[in-house]
All heavy atoms as atom14 arrays in JSON, in Angstrom:
{
  "sequence": "ISSKTREIVKSLKHKGLKIVAATGRPLSLCEEIRELGIDTLITANGAF",
  "atom14_mask": [
    [1, 1, 1, 1, 1, 1, 1, 1, 0, 0, 0, 0, 0, 0],
    [1, 1, 1, 1, 1, 1, 0, 0, 0, 0, 0, 0, 0, 0],
    [1, 1, 1, 1, 1, 1, 0, 0, 0, 0, 0, 0, 0, 0],
    [1, 1, 1, 1, 1, 1, 1, 1, 1, 0, 0, 0, 0, 0],
    [1, 1, 1, 1, 1, 1, 1, 0, 0, 0, 0, 0, 0, 0],
    [1, 1, 1, 1, 1, 1, 1, 1, 1, 1, 1, 0, 0, 0],
    [1, 1, 1, 1, 1, 1, 1, 1, 1, 0, 0, 0, 0, 0],
    [1, 1, 1, 1, 1, 1, 1, 1, 0, 0, 0, 0, 0, 0],
    [1, 1, 1, 1, 1, 1, 1, 0, 0, 0, 0, 0, 0, 0],
    [1, 1, 1, 1, 1, 1, 1, 1, 1, 0, 0, 0, 0, 0],
    [1, 1, 1, 1, 1, 1, 0, 0, 0, 0, 0, 0, 0, 0],
    [1, 1, 1, 1, 1, 1, 1, 1, 0, 0, 0, 0, 0, 0],
    [1, 1, 1, 1, 1, 1, 1, 1, 1, 0, 0, 0, 0, 0],
    [1, 1, 1, 1, 1, 1, 1, 1, 1, 1, 0, 0, 0, 0],
    [1, 1, 1, 1, 1, 1, 1, 1, 1, 0, 0, 0, 0, 0],
    [1, 1, 1, 1, 0, 0, 0, 0, 0, 0, 0, 0, 0, 0],
    [1, 1, 1, 1, 1, 1, 1, 1, 0, 0, 0, 0, 0, 0],
    [1, 1, 1, 1, 1, 1, 1, 1, 1, 0, 0, 0, 0, 0],
    [1, 1, 1, 1, 1, 1, 1, 1, 0, 0, 0, 0, 0, 0],
    [1, 1, 1, 1, 1, 1, 1, 0, 0, 0, 0, 0, 0, 0],
    [1, 1, 1, 1, 1, 0, 0, 0, 0, 0, 0, 0, 0, 0],
    [1, 1, 1, 1, 1, 0, 0, 0, 0, 0, 0, 0, 0, 0],
    [1, 1, 1, 1, 1, 1, 1, 0, 0, 0, 0, 0, 0, 0],
    [1, 1, 1, 1, 0, 0, 0, 0, 0, 0, 0, 0, 0, 0],
    [1, 1, 1, 1, 1, 1, 1, 1, 1, 1, 1, 0, 0, 0],
    [1, 1, 1, 1, 1, 1, 1, 0, 0, 0, 0, 0, 0, 0],
    [1, 1, 1, 1, 1, 1, 1, 1, 0, 0, 0, 0, 0, 0],
    [1, 1, 1, 1, 1, 1, 0, 0, 0, 0, 0, 0, 0, 0],
    [1, 1, 1, 1, 1, 1, 1, 1, 0, 0, 0, 0, 0, 0],
    [1, 1, 1, 1, 1, 1, 0, 0, 0, 0, 0, 0, 0, 0],
    [1, 1, 1, 1, 1, 1, 1, 1, 1, 0, 0, 0, 0, 0],
    [1, 1, 1, 1, 1, 1, 1, 1, 1, 0, 0, 0, 0, 0],
    [1, 1, 1, 1, 1, 1, 1, 1, 0, 0, 0, 0, 0, 0],
    [1, 1, 1, 1, 1, 1, 1, 1, 1, 1, 1, 0, 0, 0],
    [1, 1, 1, 1, 1, 1, 1, 1, 1, 0, 0, 0, 0, 0],
    [1, 1, 1, 1, 1, 1, 1, 1, 0, 0, 0, 0, 0, 0],
    [1, 1, 1, 1, 0, 0, 0, 0, 0, 0, 0, 0, 0, 0],
    [1, 1, 1, 1, 1, 1, 1, 1, 0, 0, 0, 0, 0, 0],
    [1, 1, 1, 1, 1, 1, 1, 1, 0, 0, 0, 0, 0, 0],
    [1, 1, 1, 1, 1, 1, 1, 0, 0, 0, 0, 0, 0, 0],
    [1, 1, 1, 1, 1, 1, 1, 1, 0, 0, 0, 0, 0, 0],
    [1, 1, 1, 1, 1, 1, 1, 1, 0, 0, 0, 0, 0, 0],
    [1, 1, 1, 1, 1, 1, 1, 0, 0, 0, 0, 0, 0, 0],
    [1, 1, 1, 1, 1, 0, 0, 0, 0, 0, 0, 0, 0, 0],
    [1, 1, 1, 1, 1, 1, 1, 1, 0, 0, 0, 0, 0, 0],
    [1, 1, 1, 1, 0, 0, 0, 0, 0, 0, 0, 0, 0, 0],
    [1, 1, 1, 1, 1, 0, 0, 0, 0, 0, 0, 0, 0, 0],
    [1, 1, 1, 1, 1, 1, 1, 1, 1, 1, 1, 0, 0, 0]
  ],
  "atom14_positions": [
    [[1.9, -0.7, 11.74], [0.67, -0.9, 10.97], [-0.19, -1.89, 11.74], [0.23, -3.02, 11.99], [0.96, -1.42, 9.56], [1.79, -0.39, 8.78], [-0.35, -1.7, 8.81], [2.19, -0.85, 7.39], [0.0, 0.0, 0.0], [0.0, 0.0, 0.0], [0.0, 0.0, 0.0], [0.0, 0.0, 0.0], [0.0, 0.0, 0.0], [0.0, 0.0, 0.0]],
    [[-1.37, -1.47, 12.14], [-2.21, -2.29, 13.01], [-2.84, -3.46, 12.24], [-2.97, -3.43, 11.0], [-3.31, -1.44, 13.63], [-4.24, -1.03, 12.64], [0.0, 0.0, 0.0], [0.0, 0.0, 0.0], [0.0, 0.0, 0.0], [0.0, 0.0, 0.0], [0.0, 0.0, 0.0], [0.0, 0.0, 0.0], [0.0, 0.0, 0.0], [0.0, 0.0, 0.0]],
    [[-3.26, -4.46, 12.98], [-3.96, -5.59, 12.37], [-5.28, -5.13, 11.76], [-5.72, -5.66, 10.73], [-4.21, -6.68, 13.41], [-4.93, -6.16, 14.52], [0.0, 0.0, 0.0], [0.0, 0.0, 0.0], [0.0, 0.0, 0.0], [0.0, 0.0, 0.0], [0.0, 0.0, 0.0], [0.0, 0.0, 0.0], [0.0, 0.0, 0.0], [0.0, 0.0, 0.0]],
    [[-5.9, -4.11, 12.38], [-7.15, -3.56, 11.84], [-6.92, -2.96, 10.45], [-7.7, -3.19, 9.51], [-7.7, -2.49, 12.8], [-8.96, -1.77, 12.34], [-10.15, -2.7, 12.29], [-10.59, -3.15, 13.68], [-11.1, -2.08, 14.53], [0.0, 0.0, 0.0], [0.0, 0.0, 0.0], [0.0, 0.0, 0.0], [0.0, 0.0, 0.0], [0.0, 0.0, 0.0]],
    [[-5.84, -2.21, 10.3], [-5.52, -1.61, 9.0], [-5.25, -2.7, 7.95], [-5.68, -2.59, 6.8], [-4.31, -0.68, 9.12], [-4.64, 0.39, 10.02], [-3.91, -0.1, 7.78], [0.0, 0.0, 0.0], [0.0, 0.0, 0.0], [0.0, 0.0, 0.0], [0.0, 0.0, 0.0], [0.0, 0.0, 0.0], [0.0, 0.0, 0.0], [0.0, 0.0, 0.0]],
    [[-4.55, -3.74, 8.36], [-4.28, -4.85, 7.44], [-5.57, -5.49, 6.96], [-5.72, -5.82, 5.78], [-3.38, -5.89, 8.12], [-2.0, -5.35, 8.48], [-1.17, -6.37, 9.26], [0.03, -5.75, 9.79], [1.16, -5.6, 9.11], [1.23, -6.07, 7.88], [2.21, -5.01, 9.65], [0.0, 0.0, 0.0], [0.0, 0.0, 0.0], [0.0, 0.0, 0.0]],
    [[-6.52, -5.65, 7.87], [-7.8, -6.25, 7.51], [-8.6, -5.33, 6.59], [-9.29, -5.8, 5.68], [-8.61, -6.56, 8.77], [-8.09, -7.73, 9.58], [-8.04, -9.01, 8.76], [-9.0, -9.29, 8.01], [-7.02, -9.73, 8.86], [0.0, 0.0, 0.0], [0.0, 0.0, 0.0], [0.0, 0.0, 0.0], [0.0, 0.0, 0.0], [0.0, 0.0, 0.0]],
    [[-8.5, -4.03, 6.81], [-9.22, -3.06, 5.97], [-8.72, -3.14, 4.53], [-9.52, -3.14, 3.58], [-9.05, -1.63, 6.53], [-9.9, -1.47, 7.79], [-9.45, -0.58, 5.49], [-9.63, -0.19, 8.54], [0.0, 0.0, 0.0], [0.0, 0.0, 0.0], [0.0, 0.0, 0.0], [0.0, 0.0, 0.0], [0.0, 0.0, 0.0], [0.0, 0.0, 0.0]],
    [[-7.4, -3.21, 4.36], [-6.84, -3.32, 3.0], [-7.36, -4.58, 2.32], [-7.78, -4.56, 1.15], [-5.31, -3.31, 3.04], [-4.73, -3.63, 1.66], [-4.8, -1.95, 3.52], [0.0, 0.0, 0.0], [0.0, 0.0, 0.0], [0.0, 0.0, 0.0], [0.0, 0.0, 0.0], [0.0, 0.0, 0.0], [0.0, 0.0, 0.0], [0.0, 0.0, 0.0]],
    [[-7.4, -5.69, 3.04], [-7.91, -6.95, 2.49], [-9.38, -6.81, 2.11], [-9.81, -7.27, 1.05], [-7.73, -8.08, 3.51], [-6.31, -8.54, 3.69], [-6.25, -9.68, 4.7], [-4.82, -10.12, 4.95], [-4.75, -11.19, 5.98], [0.0, 0.0, 0.0], [0.0, 0.0, 0.0], [0.0, 0.0, 0.0], [0.0, 0.0, 0.0], [0.0, 0.0, 0.0]],
    [[-10.15, -6.17, 2.98], [-11.59, -6.01, 2.72], [-11.85, -5.16, 1.49], [-12.72, -5.47, 0.67], [-12.27, -5.38, 3.94], [-12.19, -6.23, 5.06], [0.0, 0.0, 0.0], [0.0, 0.0, 0.0], [0.0, 0.0, 0.0], [0.0, 0.0, 0.0], [0.0, 0.0, 0.0], [0.0, 0.0, 0.0], [0.0, 0.0, 0.0], [0.0, 0.0, 0.0]],
    [[-11.09, -4.08, 1.36], [-11.26, -3.21, 0.19], [-10.92, -3.95, -1.1], [-11.63, -3.83, -2.1], [-10.37, -1.97, 0.34], [-10.78, -0.97, 1.43], [-9.7, 0.1, 1.58], [-12.13, -0.32, 1.12], [0.0, 0.0, 0.0], [0.0, 0.0, 0.0], [0.0, 0.0, 0.0], [0.0, 0.0, 0.0], [0.0, 0.0, 0.0], [0.0, 0.0, 0.0]],
    [[-9.84, -4.71, -1.07], [-9.46, -5.49, -2.25], [-10.51, -6.54, -2.57], [-10.83, -6.79, -3.74], [-8.09, -6.13, -2.03], [-6.94, -5.13, -1.96], [-5.59, -5.82, -1.9], [-5.25, -6.49, -3.21], [-3.9, -7.07, -3.22], [0.0, 0.0, 0.0], [0.0, 0.0, 0.0], [0.0, 0.0, 0.0], [0.0, 0.0, 0.0], [0.0, 0.0, 0.0]],
    [[-11.06, -7.16, -1.53], [-12.09, -8.18, -1.72], [-13.33, -7.58, -2.38], [-14.02, -8.24, -3.16], [-12.45, -8.8, -0.37], [-13.48, -9.9, -0.47], [-13.19, -11.14, -1.01], [-14.8, -9.93, -0.11], [-14.28, -11.9, -0.98], [-15.26, -11.18, -0.45], [0.0, 0.0, 0.0], [0.0, 0.0, 0.0], [0.0, 0.0, 0.0], [0.0, 0.0, 0.0]],
    [[-13.6, -6.29, -2.07], [-14.74, -5.6, -2.68], [-14.45, -5.15, -4.11], [-15.3, -4.59, -4.78], [-15.11, -4.38, -1.83], [-15.83, -4.72, -0.53], [-16.09, -3.45, 0.28], [-16.99, -3.72, 1.46], [-18.4, -3.95, 1.07], [0.0, 0.0, 0.0], [0.0, 0.0, 0.0], [0.0, 0.0, 0.0], [0.0, 0.0, 0.0], [0.0, 0.0, 0.0]],
    [[-13.19, -5.34, -4.54], [-12.83, -5.0, -5.91], [-12.22, -3.63, -6.1], [-11.98, -3.19, -7.23], [0.0, 0.0, 0.0], [0.0, 0.0, 0.0], [0.0, 0.0, 0.0], [0.0, 0.0, 0.0], [0.0, 0.0, 0.0], [0.0, 0.0, 0.0], [0.0, 0.0, 0.0], [0.0, 0.0, 0.0], [0.0, 0.0, 0.0], [0.0, 0.0, 0.0]],
    [[-11.94, -2.91, -5.0], [-11.32, -1.6, -5.13], [-9.81, -1.73, -5.35], [-9.16, -2.63, -4.8], [-11.56, -0.76, -3.87], [-12.93, -0.07, -3.77], [-14.0, -1.04, -3.3], [-12.86, 1.13, -2.84], [0.0, 0.0, 0.0], [0.0, 0.0, 0.0], [0.0, 0.0, 0.0], [0.0, 0.0, 0.0], [0.0, 0.0, 0.0], [0.0, 0.0, 0.0]],
    [[-9.27, -0.84, -6.15], [-7.82, -0.74, -6.31], [-7.26, 0.0, -5.1], [-7.84, 0.98, -4.64], [-7.45, 0.03, -7.58], [-7.97, -0.57, -8.87], [-7.21, -1.83, -9.24], [-7.66, -2.34, -10.61], [-7.0, -3.64, -10.94], [0.0, 0.0, 0.0], [0.0, 0.0, 0.0], [0.0, 0.0, 0.0], [0.0, 0.0, 0.0], [0.0, 0.0, 0.0]],
    [[-6.12, -0.46, -4.61], [-5.48, 0.17, -3.46], [-4.1, 0.65, -3.87], [-3.3, -0.12, -4.43], [-5.34, -0.81, -2.27], [-6.67, -1.5, -1.99], [-4.83, -0.07, -1.04], [-7.78, -0.58, -1.58], [0.0, 0.0, 0.0], [0.0, 0.0, 0.0], [0.0, 0.0, 0.0], [0.0, 0.0, 0.0], [0.0, 0.0, 0.0], [0.0, 0.0, 0.0]],
    [[-3.8, 1.91, -3.6], [-2.53, 2.51, -3.98], [-1.92, 3.19, -2.76], [-2.6, 3.91, -2.03], [-2.72, 3.56, -5.1], [-1.37, 4.12, -5.54], [-3.46, 2.95, -6.28], [0.0, 0.0, 0.0], [0.0, 0.0, 0.0], [0.0, 0.0, 0.0], [0.0, 0.0, 0.0], [0.0, 0.0, 0.0], [0.0, 0.0, 0.0], [0.0, 0.0, 0.0]],
    [[-0.64, 2.96, -2.54], [0.09, 3.71, -1.52], [0.78, 4.88, -2.2], [1.42, 4.72, -3.24], [1.13, 2.82, -0.84], [0.0, 0.0, 0.0], [0.0, 0.0, 0.0], [0.0, 0.0, 0.0], [0.0, 0.0, 0.0], [0.0, 0.0, 0.0], [0.0, 0.0, 0.0], [0.0, 0.0, 0.0], [0.0, 0.0, 0.0], [0.0, 0.0, 0.0]],
    [[0.63, 6.07, -1.63], [1.25, 7.28, -2.18], [2.11, 7.88, -1.07], [1.59, 8.45, -0.11], [0.19, 8.28, -2.64], [0.0, 0.0, 0.0], [0.0, 0.0, 0.0], [0.0, 0.0, 0.0], [0.0, 0.0, 0.0], [0.0, 0.0, 0.0], [0.0, 0.0, 0.0], [0.0, 0.0, 0.0], [0.0, 0.0, 0.0], [0.0, 0.0, 0.0]],
    [[3.41, 7.74, -1.21], [4.3, 8.02, -0.09], [5.52, 8.85, -0.47], [5.91, 8.9, -1.65], [4.77, 6.68, 0.53], [5.68, 6.93, 1.61], [5.46, 5.81, -0.49], [0.0, 0.0, 0.0], [0.0, 0.0, 0.0], [0.0, 0.0, 0.0], [0.0, 0.0, 0.0], [0.0, 0.0, 0.0], [0.0, 0.0, 0.0], [0.0, 0.0, 0.0]],
    [[6.1, 9.47, 0.52], [7.37, 10.13, 0.33], [8.54, 9.16, 0.38], [9.66, 9.51, 0.05], [0.0, 0.0, 0.0], [0.0, 0.0, 0.0], [0.0, 0.0, 0.0], [0.0, 0.0, 0.0], [0.0, 0.0, 0.0], [0.0, 0.0, 0.0], [0.0, 0.0, 0.0], [0.0, 0.0, 0.0], [0.0, 0.0, 0.0], [0.0, 0.0, 0.0]],
    [[8.28, 7.93, 0.78], [9.33, 6.92, 0.88], [9.89, 6.56, -0.49], [9.17, 6.59, -1.49], [8.81, 5.64, 1.52], [8.33, 5.76, 2.95], [7.95, 4.38, 3.46], [7.38, 4.41, 4.8], [7.2, 3.33, 5.56], [7.52, 2.14, 5.07], [6.68, 3.45, 6.77], [0.0, 0.0, 0.0], [0.0, 0.0, 0.0], [0.0, 0.0, 0.0]],
    [[11.15, 6.12, -0.54], [11.66, 5.5, -1.76], [11.11, 4.08, -1.87], [10.61, 3.53, -0.87], [13.18, 5.48, -1.55], [13.33, 5.4, -0.07], [12.19, 6.21, 0.5], [0.0, 0.0, 0.0], [0.0, 0.0, 0.0], [0.0, 0.0, 0.0], [0.0, 0.0, 0.0], [0.0, 0.0, 0.0], [0.0, 0.0, 0.0], [0.0, 0.0, 0.0]],
    [[11.21, 3.49, -3.03], [10.65, 2.16, -3.26], [11.22, 1.12, -2.3], [10.52, 0.23, -1.84], [10.89, 1.74, -4.71], [10.21, 0.45, -5.17], [8.69, 0.59, -5.09], [10.63, 0.1, -6.59], [0.0, 0.0, 0.0], [0.0, 0.0, 0.0], [0.0, 0.0, 0.0], [0.0, 0.0, 0.0], [0.0, 0.0, 0.0], [0.0, 0.0, 0.0]],
    [[12.5, 1.24, -1.97], [13.16, 0.24, -1.12], [12.59, 0.2, 0.29], [12.77, -0.8, 0.99], [14.66, 0.5, -1.06], [14.93, 1.75, -0.45], [0.0, 0.0, 0.0], [0.0, 0.0, 0.0], [0.0, 0.0, 0.0], [0.0, 0.0, 0.0], [0.0, 0.0, 0.0], [0.0, 0.0, 0.0], [0.0, 0.0, 0.0], [0.0, 0.0, 0.0]],
    [[11.91, 1.26, 0.72], [11.33, 1.28, 2.06], [9.84, 0.96, 2.04], [9.11, 1.3, 2.97], [11.56, 2.64, 2.71], [13.01, 3.01, 3.03], [13.08, 4.36, 3.74], [13.69, 1.93, 3.88], [0.0, 0.0, 0.0], [0.0, 0.0, 0.0], [0.0, 0.0, 0.0], [0.0, 0.0, 0.0], [0.0, 0.0, 0.0], [0.0, 0.0, 0.0]],
    [[9.39, 0.28, 0.97], [7.96, -0.02, 0.83], [7.64, -1.51, 0.94], [6.52, -1.92, 0.62], [7.45, 0.51, -0.52], [7.39, 2.31, -0.62], [0.0, 0.0, 0.0], [0.0, 0.0, 0.0], [0.0, 0.0, 0.0], [0.0, 0.0, 0.0], [0.0, 0.0, 0.0], [0.0, 0.0, 0.0], [0.0, 0.0, 0.0], [0.0, 0.0, 0.0]],
    [[8.59, -2.31, 1.4], [8.34, -3.75, 1.49], [7.19, -4.06, 2.43], [6.37, -4.95, 2.16], [9.61, -4.49, 1.91], [10.65, -4.62, 0.81], [10.06, -5.16, -0.48], [9.42, -6.24, -0.44], [10.21, -4.51, -1.53], [0.0, 0.0, 0.0], [0.0, 0.0, 0.0], [0.0, 0.0, 0.0], [0.0, 0.0, 0.0], [0.0, 0.0, 0.0]],
    [[7.12, -3.36, 3.55], [6.03, -3.58, 4.49], [4.69, -3.25, 3.85], [3.67, -3.89, 4.15], [6.25, -2.72, 5.74], [5.25, -2.95, 6.85], [5.5, -2.06, 8.06], [6.13, -0.99, 7.89], [5.07, -2.44, 9.15], [0.0, 0.0, 0.0], [0.0, 0.0, 0.0], [0.0, 0.0, 0.0], [0.0, 0.0, 0.0], [0.0, 0.0, 0.0]],
    [[4.7, -2.27, 2.96], [3.46, -1.9, 2.25], [3.08, -2.98, 1.24], [1.91, -3.34, 1.11], [3.64, -0.54, 1.54], [4.16, 0.51, 2.51], [2.32, -0.09, 0.92], [3.37, 0.65, 3.78], [0.0, 0.0, 0.0], [0.0, 0.0, 0.0], [0.0, 0.0, 0.0], [0.0, 0.0, 0.0], [0.0, 0.0, 0.0], [0.0, 0.0, 0.0]],
    [[4.07, -3.5, 0.54], [3.8, -4.6, -0.4], [3.21, -5.81, 0.33], [2.34, -6.52, -0.21], [5.09, -5.01, -1.12], [5.62, -3.99, -2.13], [6.82, -4.61, -2.83], [7.54, -3.75, -3.69], [7.27, -3.54, -4.98], [6.23, -4.14, -5.54], [8.04, -2.73, -5.72], [0.0, 0.0, 0.0], [0.0, 0.0, 0.0], [0.0, 0.0, 0.0]],
    [[3.7, -6.04, 1.55], [3.22, -7.19, 2.32], [1.74, -7.07, 2.69], [1.09, -8.07, 3.01], [4.06, -7.36, 3.58], [5.48, -7.84, 3.29], [6.38, -7.76, 4.52], [5.88, -7.42, 5.6], [7.6, -8.04, 4.38], [0.0, 0.0, 0.0], [0.0, 0.0, 0.0], [0.0, 0.0, 0.0], [0.0, 0.0, 0.0], [0.0, 0.0, 0.0]],
    [[1.21, -5.84, 2.66], [-0.22, -5.65, 2.9], [-1.05, -6.11, 1.7], [-2.27, -6.23, 1.81], [-0.52, -4.16, 3.14], [0.03, -3.51, 4.4], [-0.31, -2.02, 4.42], [-0.51, -4.19, 5.64], [0.0, 0.0, 0.0], [0.0, 0.0, 0.0], [0.0, 0.0, 0.0], [0.0, 0.0, 0.0], [0.0, 0.0, 0.0], [0.0, 0.0, 0.0]],
    [[-0.38, -6.34, 0.57], [-1.09, -6.69, -0.65], [-1.28, -5.51, -1.58], [-2.04, -5.57, -2.55], [0.0, 0.0, 0.0], [0.0, 0.0, 0.0], [0.0, 0.0, 0.0], [0.0, 0.0, 0.0], [0.0, 0.0, 0.0], [0.0, 0.0, 0.0], [0.0, 0.0, 0.0], [0.0, 0.0, 0.0], [0.0, 0.0, 0.0], [0.0, 0.0, 0.0]],
    [[-0.57, -4.42, -1.28], [-0.65, -3.23, -2.14], [0.45, -3.32, -3.19], [1.64, -3.33, -2.85], [-0.5, -1.94, -1.31], [-1.63, -1.84, -0.28], [-0.49, -0.71, -2.21], [-1.52, -0.66, 0.67], [0.0, 0.0, 0.0], [0.0, 0.0, 0.0], [0.0, 0.0, 0.0], [0.0, 0.0, 0.0], [0.0, 0.0, 0.0], [0.0, 0.0, 0.0]],
    [[0.07, -3.39, -4.46], [1.06, -3.59, -5.52], [1.2, -2.39, -6.45], [1.93, -2.44, -7.44], [0.76, -4.86, -6.33], [-0.67, -4.91, -6.83], [-1.34, -3.85, -6.86], [-1.13, -6.02, -7.19], [0.0, 0.0, 0.0], [0.0, 0.0, 0.0], [0.0, 0.0, 0.0], [0.0, 0.0, 0.0], [0.0, 0.0, 0.0], [0.0, 0.0, 0.0]],
    [[0.5, -1.29, -6.14], [0.68, -0.05, -6.88], [1.24, 0.98, -5.91], [0.61, 1.28, -4.88], [-0.63, 0.46, -7.49], [-1.24, -0.59, -8.25], [-0.39, 1.65, -8.4], [0.0, 0.0, 0.0], [0.0, 0.0, 0.0], [0.0, 0.0, 0.0], [0.0, 0.0, 0.0], [0.0, 0.0, 0.0], [0.0, 0.0, 0.0], [0.0, 0.0, 0.0]],
    [[2.4, 1.51, -6.21], [3.13, 2.35, -5.28], [3.59, 3.65, -5.94], [4.33, 3.63, -6.92], [4.36, 1.6, -4.74], [4.07, 0.3, -3.98], [5.33, -0.55, -3.89], [3.55, 0.61, -2.59], [0.0, 0.0, 0.0], [0.0, 0.0, 0.0], [0.0, 0.0, 0.0], [0.0, 0.0, 0.0], [0.0, 0.0, 0.0], [0.0, 0.0, 0.0]],
    [[3.1, 4.75, -5.4], [3.6, 6.08, -5.78], [4.66, 6.44, -4.74], [4.35, 6.57, -3.56], [2.47, 7.12, -5.77], [1.43, 6.79, -6.85], [3.02, 8.53, -5.96], [0.17, 7.63, -6.77], [0.0, 0.0, 0.0], [0.0, 0.0, 0.0], [0.0, 0.0, 0.0], [0.0, 0.0, 0.0], [0.0, 0.0, 0.0], [0.0, 0.0, 0.0]],
    [[5.91, 6.56, -5.16], [6.99, 6.78, -4.2], [7.68, 8.12, -4.48], [7.41, 8.78, -5.48], [8.03, 5.64, -4.27], [8.74, 5.7, -5.51], [7.35, 4.28, -4.14], [0.0, 0.0, 0.0], [0.0, 0.0, 0.0], [0.0, 0.0, 0.0], [0.0, 0.0, 0.0], [0.0, 0.0, 0.0], [0.0, 0.0, 0.0], [0.0, 0.0, 0.0]],
    [[8.58, 8.49, -3.57], [9.36, 9.73, -3.7], [8.46, 10.94, -3.94], [8.75, 11.8, -4.77], [10.4, 9.6, -4.81], [0.0, 0.0, 0.0], [0.0, 0.0, 0.0], [0.0, 0.0, 0.0], [0.0, 0.0, 0.0], [0.0, 0.0, 0.0], [0.0, 0.0, 0.0], [0.0, 0.0, 0.0], [0.0, 0.0, 0.0], [0.0, 0.0, 0.0]],
    [[7.34, 10.97, -3.21], [6.37, 12.08, -3.31], [5.79, 12.27, -4.7], [5.35, 13.36, -5.08], [6.99, 13.4, -2.83], [6.86, 13.58, -1.33], [5.97, 13.0, -0.71], [7.73, 14.37, -0.75], [0.0, 0.0, 0.0], [0.0, 0.0, 0.0], [0.0, 0.0, 0.0], [0.0, 0.0, 0.0], [0.0, 0.0, 0.0], [0.0, 0.0, 0.0]],
    [[5.81, 11.2, -5.49], [5.19, 11.25, -6.82], [6.15, 11.14, -7.98], [5.73, 11.12, -9.14], [0.0, 0.0, 0.0], [0.0, 0.0, 0.0], [0.0, 0.0, 0.0], [0.0, 0.0, 0.0], [0.0, 0.0, 0.0], [0.0, 0.0, 0.0], [0.0, 0.0, 0.0], [0.0, 0.0, 0.0], [0.0, 0.0, 0.0], [0.0, 0.0, 0.0]],
    [[7.45, 11.02, -7.7], [8.44, 11.02, -8.78], [8.67, 9.65, -9.41], [9.19, 9.56, -10.52], [9.78, 11.57, -8.27], [0.0, 0.0, 0.0], [0.0, 0.0, 0.0], [0.0, 0.0, 0.0], [0.0, 0.0, 0.0], [0.0, 0.0, 0.0], [0.0, 0.0, 0.0], [0.0, 0.0, 0.0], [0.0, 0.0, 0.0], [0.0, 0.0, 0.0]],
    [[8.28, 8.57, -8.7], [8.52, 7.23, -9.23], [7.35, 6.33, -8.83], [7.09, 6.11, -7.66], [9.83, 6.66, -8.67], [10.25, 5.36, -9.31], [10.64, 5.33, -10.64], [10.24, 4.18, -8.59], [11.04, 4.13, -11.23], [10.64, 2.99, -9.18], [11.03, 2.96, -10.5], [0.0, 0.0, 0.0], [0.0, 0.0, 0.0], [0.0, 0.0, 0.0]]
  ]
}
């Protein structure tokens, strides 16, 4: 995950947009995503 992408997530949140990760990963493999400041996670392709 590039530093540019990290900054984009911060900028979007600063503008007041909600940010959601929607992934095929299970929740346990989303720590790096949480570290970006993303606290809404669609995991397991939508099952959890």
